[in-house]
Amino acid sequence: MDAEVTDPKLTHSQQSEQQRLFEGWLPLAQEANQLYGWRLDGATIERLIALAAPALAQAESVLAARAILWSVYHHHIA
């Protein structure tokens, strides 16, 4: 995980939780990045995941998670 995404004010437990969040969603976000031609760098993919995290937690399928990433990309990144 890039240092610029990790908030130094977070507790160790919160940092561990954030790390697991990125590790869990990173493969899908990287796949979407490649599939949709977004050309995002690692830090921006992590930002995408962080912004999408609340909605991703409610995703009931991979298709729903992809739709969430797509929506967050177009509303906050693009």
N, C-alpha and C. Protein backbone atom coordinates (compact mmCIF):
# COMPACT_ATOMS: atom_id res chain seq x y z
N MET A 1 0.85 -1.17 0.00
CA MET A 1 0.00 0.00 0.00
C MET A 1 0.89 1.23 0.00
N ASP A 2 0.52 2.24 -0.75
CA ASP A 2 1.30 3.47 -0.83
C ASP A 2 1.16 4.27 0.45
N ALA A 3 2.24 4.92 0.84
CA ALA A 3 2.25 5.70 2.07
C ALA A 3 1.26 6.85 2.02
N GLU A 4 1.02 7.42 0.85
CA GLU A 4 0.15 8.58 0.78
C GLU A 4 -1.31 8.22 1.06
N VAL A 5 -1.67 6.95 0.95
CA VAL A 5 -3.04 6.54 1.21
C VAL A 5 -3.23 6.23 2.69
N THR A 6 -2.21 5.73 3.36
CA THR A 6 -2.29 5.40 4.77
C THR A 6 -2.25 6.67 5.61
N ASP A 7 -3.24 6.84 6.43
CA ASP A 7 -3.32 8.01 7.30
C ASP A 7 -2.53 7.73 8.56
N PRO A 8 -1.49 8.52 8.84
CA PRO A 8 -0.67 8.27 10.02
C PRO A 8 -1.42 8.45 11.33
N LYS A 9 -2.59 9.07 11.29
CA LYS A 9 -3.39 9.27 12.50
C LYS A 9 -4.20 8.03 12.87
N LEU A 10 -4.24 7.04 11.99
CA LEU A 10 -4.98 5.82 12.28
C LEU A 10 -4.24 4.97 13.29
N THR A 11 -4.97 4.25 14.10
CA THR A 11 -4.35 3.31 15.03
C THR A 11 -3.80 2.13 14.23
N HIS A 12 -2.98 1.35 14.89
CA HIS A 12 -2.41 0.17 14.22
C HIS A 12 -3.53 -0.77 13.74
N SER A 13 -4.55 -0.94 14.55
CA SER A 13 -5.68 -1.79 14.20
C SER A 13 -6.41 -1.24 12.97
N GLN A 14 -6.61 0.07 12.94
CA GLN A 14 -7.28 0.70 11.80
C GLN A 14 -6.42 0.58 10.54
N GLN A 15 -5.10 0.73 10.69
CA GLN A 15 -4.21 0.58 9.54
C GLN A 15 -4.25 -0.85 9.02
N SER A 16 -4.31 -1.83 9.92
CA SER A 16 -4.39 -3.24 9.51
C SER A 16 -5.70 -3.49 8.76
N GLU A 17 -6.79 -2.91 9.27
CA GLU A 17 -8.09 -3.06 8.61
C GLU A 17 -8.06 -2.44 7.22
N GLN A 18 -7.45 -1.25 7.11
CA GLN A 18 -7.34 -0.58 5.81
C GLN A 18 -6.50 -1.42 4.85
N GLN A 19 -5.42 -2.01 5.34
CA GLN A 19 -4.55 -2.86 4.52
C GLN A 19 -5.35 -4.06 3.99
N ARG A 20 -6.15 -4.69 4.85
CA ARG A 20 -6.96 -5.84 4.41
C ARG A 20 -7.99 -5.40 3.37
N LEU A 21 -8.56 -4.22 3.55
CA LEU A 21 -9.51 -3.68 2.58
C LEU A 21 -8.87 -3.59 1.20
N PHE A 22 -7.69 -2.97 1.14
CA PHE A 22 -7.01 -2.82 -0.15
C PHE A 22 -6.62 -4.17 -0.73
N GLU A 23 -6.09 -5.04 0.09
CA GLU A 23 -5.68 -6.36 -0.41
C GLU A 23 -6.86 -7.16 -0.93
N GLY A 24 -8.02 -7.02 -0.27
CA GLY A 24 -9.20 -7.77 -0.67
C GLY A 24 -9.79 -7.31 -2.00
N TRP A 25 -9.81 -6.00 -2.22
CA TRP A 25 -10.44 -5.45 -3.42
C TRP A 25 -9.45 -5.16 -4.55
N LEU A 26 -8.17 -5.19 -4.25
CA LEU A 26 -7.17 -4.84 -5.26
C LEU A 26 -7.25 -5.69 -6.53
N PRO A 27 -7.38 -7.02 -6.45
CA PRO A 27 -7.45 -7.79 -7.71
C PRO A 27 -8.61 -7.37 -8.60
N LEU A 28 -9.78 -7.13 -8.02
CA LEU A 28 -10.93 -6.73 -8.82
C LEU A 28 -10.73 -5.33 -9.39
N ALA A 29 -10.19 -4.42 -8.59
CA ALA A 29 -9.94 -3.06 -9.07
C ALA A 29 -8.88 -3.05 -10.18
N GLN A 30 -7.85 -3.86 -10.03
CA GLN A 30 -6.83 -3.94 -11.09
C GLN A 30 -7.42 -4.52 -12.37
N GLU A 31 -8.27 -5.53 -12.22
CA GLU A 31 -8.93 -6.12 -13.38
C GLU A 31 -9.79 -5.09 -14.10
N ALA A 32 -10.57 -4.33 -13.33
CA ALA A 32 -11.42 -3.28 -13.92
C ALA A 32 -10.56 -2.22 -14.60
N ASN A 33 -9.47 -1.85 -13.96
CA ASN A 33 -8.56 -0.87 -14.53
C ASN A 33 -8.07 -1.30 -15.90
N GLN A 34 -7.69 -2.56 -16.01
CA GLN A 34 -7.20 -3.08 -17.28
C GLN A 34 -8.35 -3.26 -18.28
N LEU A 35 -9.44 -3.86 -17.83
CA LEU A 35 -10.58 -4.15 -18.70
C LEU A 35 -11.18 -2.89 -19.31
N TYR A 36 -11.31 -1.85 -18.49
CA TYR A 36 -11.96 -0.62 -18.94
C TYR A 36 -10.98 0.43 -19.46
N GLY A 37 -9.68 0.11 -19.44
CA GLY A 37 -8.68 1.02 -20.00
C GLY A 37 -8.51 2.31 -19.22
N TRP A 38 -8.67 2.26 -17.89
CA TRP A 38 -8.57 3.47 -17.09
C TRP A 38 -7.14 3.97 -16.95
N ARG A 39 -6.17 3.10 -17.02
CA ARG A 39 -4.74 3.45 -16.91
C ARG A 39 -4.42 4.15 -15.58
N LEU A 40 -4.99 3.66 -14.49
CA LEU A 40 -4.74 4.24 -13.18
C LEU A 40 -3.45 3.69 -12.60
N ASP A 41 -2.72 4.52 -11.86
CA ASP A 41 -1.53 4.04 -11.17
C ASP A 41 -1.96 3.42 -9.84
N GLY A 42 -1.01 2.82 -9.13
CA GLY A 42 -1.32 2.12 -7.89
C GLY A 42 -1.99 2.99 -6.84
N ALA A 43 -1.50 4.20 -6.66
CA ALA A 43 -2.07 5.10 -5.66
C ALA A 43 -3.51 5.47 -6.01
N THR A 44 -3.80 5.65 -7.29
CA THR A 44 -5.15 6.02 -7.70
C THR A 44 -6.10 4.83 -7.58
N ILE A 45 -5.60 3.62 -7.83
CA ILE A 45 -6.42 2.43 -7.62
C ILE A 45 -6.78 2.32 -6.14
N GLU A 46 -5.82 2.58 -5.26
CA GLU A 46 -6.09 2.53 -3.83
C GLU A 46 -7.10 3.61 -3.43
N ARG A 47 -7.01 4.77 -4.04
CA ARG A 47 -7.99 5.84 -3.77
C ARG A 47 -9.38 5.40 -4.23
N LEU A 48 -9.46 4.77 -5.39
CA LEU A 48 -10.72 4.24 -5.91
C LEU A 48 -11.33 3.26 -4.92
N ILE A 49 -10.52 2.35 -4.42
CA ILE A 49 -11.00 1.36 -3.45
C ILE A 49 -11.48 2.05 -2.18
N ALA A 50 -10.71 3.00 -1.69
CA ALA A 50 -11.09 3.70 -0.46
C ALA A 50 -12.43 4.43 -0.63
N LEU A 51 -12.60 5.08 -1.76
CA LEU A 51 -13.86 5.80 -2.01
C LEU A 51 -15.04 4.84 -2.17
N ALA A 52 -14.77 3.69 -2.75
CA ALA A 52 -15.83 2.71 -3.03
C ALA A 52 -16.12 1.79 -1.84
N ALA A 53 -15.26 1.77 -0.83
CA ALA A 53 -15.33 0.79 0.26
C ALA A 53 -16.71 0.66 0.90
N PRO A 54 -17.37 1.75 1.28
CA PRO A 54 -18.69 1.58 1.92
C PRO A 54 -19.69 0.83 1.03
N ALA A 55 -19.71 1.17 -0.23
CA ALA A 55 -20.64 0.50 -1.15
C ALA A 55 -20.18 -0.92 -1.46
N LEU A 56 -18.87 -1.13 -1.58
CA LEU A 56 -18.36 -2.48 -1.85
C LEU A 56 -18.71 -3.44 -0.72
N ALA A 57 -18.76 -2.94 0.50
CA ALA A 57 -19.11 -3.79 1.65
C ALA A 57 -20.53 -4.34 1.52
N GLN A 58 -21.37 -3.67 0.74
CA GLN A 58 -22.76 -4.10 0.55
C GLN A 58 -22.97 -4.88 -0.75
N ALA A 59 -21.93 -5.00 -1.56
CA ALA A 59 -22.06 -5.68 -2.86
C ALA A 59 -22.41 -7.15 -2.66
N GLU A 60 -23.40 -7.60 -3.38
CA GLU A 60 -23.85 -8.99 -3.26
C GLU A 60 -23.30 -9.90 -4.33
N SER A 61 -22.54 -9.33 -5.27
CA SER A 61 -21.95 -10.15 -6.33
C SER A 61 -20.75 -9.43 -6.92
N VAL A 62 -19.97 -10.16 -7.69
CA VAL A 62 -18.83 -9.55 -8.37
C VAL A 62 -19.32 -8.52 -9.37
N LEU A 63 -20.42 -8.81 -10.04
CA LEU A 63 -20.99 -7.86 -11.00
C LEU A 63 -21.38 -6.56 -10.30
N ALA A 64 -21.98 -6.66 -9.13
CA ALA A 64 -22.35 -5.47 -8.37
C ALA A 64 -21.10 -4.69 -7.95
N ALA A 65 -20.06 -5.39 -7.53
CA ALA A 65 -18.81 -4.74 -7.13
C ALA A 65 -18.18 -4.02 -8.32
N ARG A 66 -18.20 -4.65 -9.49
CA ARG A 66 -17.67 -3.99 -10.69
C ARG A 66 -18.46 -2.72 -11.01
N ALA A 67 -19.77 -2.80 -10.88
CA ALA A 67 -20.62 -1.63 -11.14
C ALA A 67 -20.30 -0.51 -10.15
N ILE A 68 -20.04 -0.86 -8.92
CA ILE A 68 -19.67 0.14 -7.91
C ILE A 68 -18.36 0.80 -8.28
N LEU A 69 -17.36 0.00 -8.63
CA LEU A 69 -16.06 0.56 -9.03
C LEU A 69 -16.22 1.47 -10.24
N TRP A 70 -17.01 1.04 -11.21
CA TRP A 70 -17.26 1.84 -12.41
C TRP A 70 -17.88 3.19 -12.04
N SER A 71 -18.89 3.14 -11.19
CA SER A 71 -19.58 4.37 -10.78
C SER A 71 -18.66 5.31 -10.01
N VAL A 72 -17.90 4.77 -9.07
CA VAL A 72 -17.00 5.60 -8.28
C VAL A 72 -15.92 6.18 -9.19
N TYR A 73 -15.41 5.39 -10.11
CA TYR A 73 -14.41 5.91 -11.06
C TYR A 73 -14.96 7.12 -11.82
N HIS A 74 -16.15 6.97 -12.36
CA HIS A 74 -16.71 8.05 -13.20
C HIS A 74 -17.16 9.27 -12.38
N HIS A 75 -17.50 9.08 -11.12
CA HIS A 75 -17.95 10.21 -10.30
C HIS A 75 -16.81 10.91 -9.56
N HIS A 76 -15.72 10.19 -9.27
CA HIS A 76 -14.69 10.76 -8.41
C HIS A 76 -13.27 10.75 -9.01
N ILE A 77 -13.01 9.91 -9.97
CA ILE A 77 -11.64 9.76 -10.48
C ILE A 77 -11.49 10.35 -11.87
N ALA A 78 -12.40 10.02 -12.76
CA ALA A 78 -12.29 10.43 -14.17
C ALA A 78 -12.35 11.94 -14.34
